[in-house]
Each structure stands twice: as C-alpha cells, then as structure tokens.
C-alpha cells in the first residue's frame, strides 16, 4: 500500500461508491496473488499456499 500513498490514482475513483472500492479490492487481490507467485516454494509449502 506504500505505492498507493506515493501514487494515489485509482482506476475508478472512490466517490463512485461501491464500484470505486471494488477496483481497489481487485487490485489488492492481484498484488497478493502476484506476491504468492513470486514467493519461494519452501515458503508456499510451509504455509500450504497454492501458486
């Protein structure tokens, strides 16, 4: 979330109520999935992560 503080632009602004928040959640999910993909296999095995 440091990137958001440095570069606080949204795909859809948050003043569009639910839709603006949904894009933030989707981007967060994409980033978490990307981090899991980049993590070492031993860490994935230890925490039983798929990816």
N, C-alpha and C. Protein backbone atom coordinates (compact mmCIF):
# COMPACT_ATOMS: atom_id res chain seq x y z
N UNK A 1 0.81 -1.19 0.00
CA UNK A 1 0.00 0.00 0.00
C UNK A 1 0.86 1.27 0.00
N UNK A 2 2.17 1.08 0.09
CA UNK A 2 3.06 2.24 0.02
C UNK A 2 2.95 2.89 -1.34
N UNK A 3 2.79 2.05 -2.36
CA UNK A 3 2.64 2.58 -3.72
C UNK A 3 1.42 3.45 -3.85
N UNK A 4 0.35 3.10 -3.16
CA UNK A 4 -0.87 3.91 -3.22
C UNK A 4 -0.64 5.28 -2.56
N UNK A 5 0.16 5.32 -1.51
CA UNK A 5 0.45 6.59 -0.84
C UNK A 5 1.31 7.48 -1.72
N UNK A 6 2.21 6.87 -2.48
CA UNK A 6 3.08 7.63 -3.35
C UNK A 6 2.38 8.01 -4.65
N UNK A 7 1.54 7.11 -5.17
CA UNK A 7 0.87 7.31 -6.45
C UNK A 7 -0.62 7.02 -6.27
N UNK A 8 -1.36 7.95 -5.63
CA UNK A 8 -2.73 7.65 -5.20
C UNK A 8 -3.80 7.81 -6.28
N UNK A 9 -3.59 7.25 -7.45
CA UNK A 9 -4.59 7.33 -8.50
C UNK A 9 -5.33 6.01 -8.61
N UNK A 10 -6.62 6.07 -8.77
CA UNK A 10 -7.46 4.89 -8.90
C UNK A 10 -7.85 4.68 -10.35
N UNK A 11 -8.17 3.44 -10.69
CA UNK A 11 -8.78 3.18 -11.98
C UNK A 11 -10.18 3.79 -12.01
N UNK A 12 -10.90 3.57 -10.92
CA UNK A 12 -12.24 4.15 -10.74
C UNK A 12 -12.21 4.89 -9.41
N UNK A 13 -12.47 6.20 -9.41
CA UNK A 13 -12.41 6.97 -8.16
C UNK A 13 -13.39 6.43 -7.10
N UNK A 14 -13.01 6.57 -5.84
CA UNK A 14 -13.81 6.04 -4.74
C UNK A 14 -15.12 6.78 -4.53
N UNK A 15 -15.31 7.94 -5.11
CA UNK A 15 -16.58 8.62 -4.91
C UNK A 15 -17.70 7.99 -5.72
N UNK A 16 -17.39 6.96 -6.52
CA UNK A 16 -18.41 6.20 -7.21
C UNK A 16 -18.88 5.03 -6.33
N UNK A 17 -18.90 5.27 -5.04
CA UNK A 17 -19.43 4.34 -4.05
C UNK A 17 -18.83 2.95 -4.16
N UNK A 18 -19.66 1.95 -4.36
CA UNK A 18 -19.24 0.55 -4.32
C UNK A 18 -18.26 0.21 -5.43
N UNK A 19 -18.47 0.70 -6.62
CA UNK A 19 -17.61 0.36 -7.75
C UNK A 19 -16.18 0.86 -7.51
N UNK A 20 -16.03 2.03 -6.92
CA UNK A 20 -14.71 2.57 -6.65
C UNK A 20 -13.94 1.75 -5.63
N UNK A 21 -14.64 1.17 -4.69
CA UNK A 21 -13.99 0.33 -3.68
C UNK A 21 -13.66 -1.04 -4.26
N UNK A 22 -14.53 -1.55 -5.11
CA UNK A 22 -14.32 -2.88 -5.70
C UNK A 22 -13.03 -2.92 -6.51
N UNK A 23 -12.73 -1.85 -7.25
CA UNK A 23 -11.49 -1.88 -8.04
C UNK A 23 -10.27 -1.90 -7.13
N UNK A 24 -10.35 -1.24 -5.97
CA UNK A 24 -9.23 -1.30 -5.01
C UNK A 24 -9.05 -2.72 -4.47
N UNK A 25 -10.14 -3.39 -4.15
CA UNK A 25 -10.08 -4.76 -3.64
C UNK A 25 -9.53 -5.70 -4.71
N UNK A 26 -9.95 -5.51 -5.95
CA UNK A 26 -9.45 -6.36 -7.03
C UNK A 26 -7.95 -6.18 -7.23
N UNK A 27 -7.49 -4.94 -7.21
CA UNK A 27 -6.06 -4.69 -7.38
C UNK A 27 -5.28 -5.27 -6.21
N UNK A 28 -5.81 -5.15 -5.00
CA UNK A 28 -5.16 -5.74 -3.83
C UNK A 28 -5.05 -7.26 -4.00
N UNK A 29 -6.11 -7.90 -4.46
CA UNK A 29 -6.08 -9.34 -4.68
C UNK A 29 -5.07 -9.74 -5.74
N UNK A 30 -4.97 -8.95 -6.79
CA UNK A 30 -3.99 -9.23 -7.85
C UNK A 30 -2.57 -9.12 -7.31
N UNK A 31 -2.32 -8.10 -6.50
CA UNK A 31 -0.99 -7.91 -5.93
C UNK A 31 -0.63 -9.04 -4.97
N UNK A 32 -1.58 -9.46 -4.13
CA UNK A 32 -1.32 -10.57 -3.21
C UNK A 32 -1.04 -11.85 -3.98
N UNK A 33 -1.83 -12.12 -5.02
CA UNK A 33 -1.60 -13.30 -5.84
C UNK A 33 -0.23 -13.24 -6.51
N UNK A 34 0.16 -12.09 -6.98
CA UNK A 34 1.47 -11.90 -7.61
C UNK A 34 2.59 -12.17 -6.61
N UNK A 35 2.42 -11.68 -5.37
CA UNK A 35 3.43 -11.92 -4.34
C UNK A 35 3.54 -13.40 -3.99
N UNK A 36 2.41 -14.10 -3.97
CA UNK A 36 2.44 -15.54 -3.71
C UNK A 36 3.17 -16.26 -4.84
N UNK A 37 2.91 -15.85 -6.07
CA UNK A 37 3.58 -16.47 -7.21
C UNK A 37 5.10 -16.27 -7.14
N UNK A 38 5.54 -15.14 -6.63
CA UNK A 38 6.97 -14.83 -6.57
C UNK A 38 7.66 -15.42 -5.34
N UNK A 39 6.89 -15.90 -4.38
CA UNK A 39 7.50 -16.41 -3.15
C UNK A 39 8.18 -17.75 -3.40
N UNK A 40 9.19 -18.07 -2.60
CA UNK A 40 9.90 -19.35 -2.75
C UNK A 40 8.98 -20.55 -2.48
N UNK A 41 9.27 -21.66 -3.13
CA UNK A 41 8.46 -22.87 -2.97
C UNK A 41 8.44 -23.35 -1.52
N UNK A 42 9.55 -23.22 -0.81
CA UNK A 42 9.59 -23.68 0.58
C UNK A 42 8.61 -22.89 1.45
N UNK A 43 8.48 -21.62 1.19
CA UNK A 43 7.53 -20.80 1.94
C UNK A 43 6.09 -21.19 1.61
N UNK A 44 5.83 -21.47 0.34
CA UNK A 44 4.48 -21.91 -0.06
C UNK A 44 4.12 -23.23 0.60
N UNK A 45 5.10 -24.16 0.64
CA UNK A 45 4.84 -25.45 1.27
C UNK A 45 4.60 -25.32 2.77
N UNK A 46 5.37 -24.47 3.42
CA UNK A 46 5.24 -24.29 4.86
C UNK A 46 3.86 -23.74 5.23
N UNK A 47 3.31 -22.86 4.41
CA UNK A 47 2.03 -22.23 4.71
C UNK A 47 0.89 -22.79 3.88
N UNK A 48 1.17 -23.88 3.15
CA UNK A 48 0.19 -24.58 2.34
C UNK A 48 -0.52 -23.66 1.35
N UNK A 49 0.27 -22.88 0.63
CA UNK A 49 -0.26 -21.97 -0.38
C UNK A 49 -0.16 -22.62 -1.75
N UNK A 50 -1.12 -22.33 -2.60
CA UNK A 50 -1.09 -22.83 -3.96
C UNK A 50 -0.63 -21.69 -4.86
N UNK A 51 0.12 -22.04 -5.87
CA UNK A 51 0.52 -20.99 -6.79
C UNK A 51 1.75 -21.25 -7.50
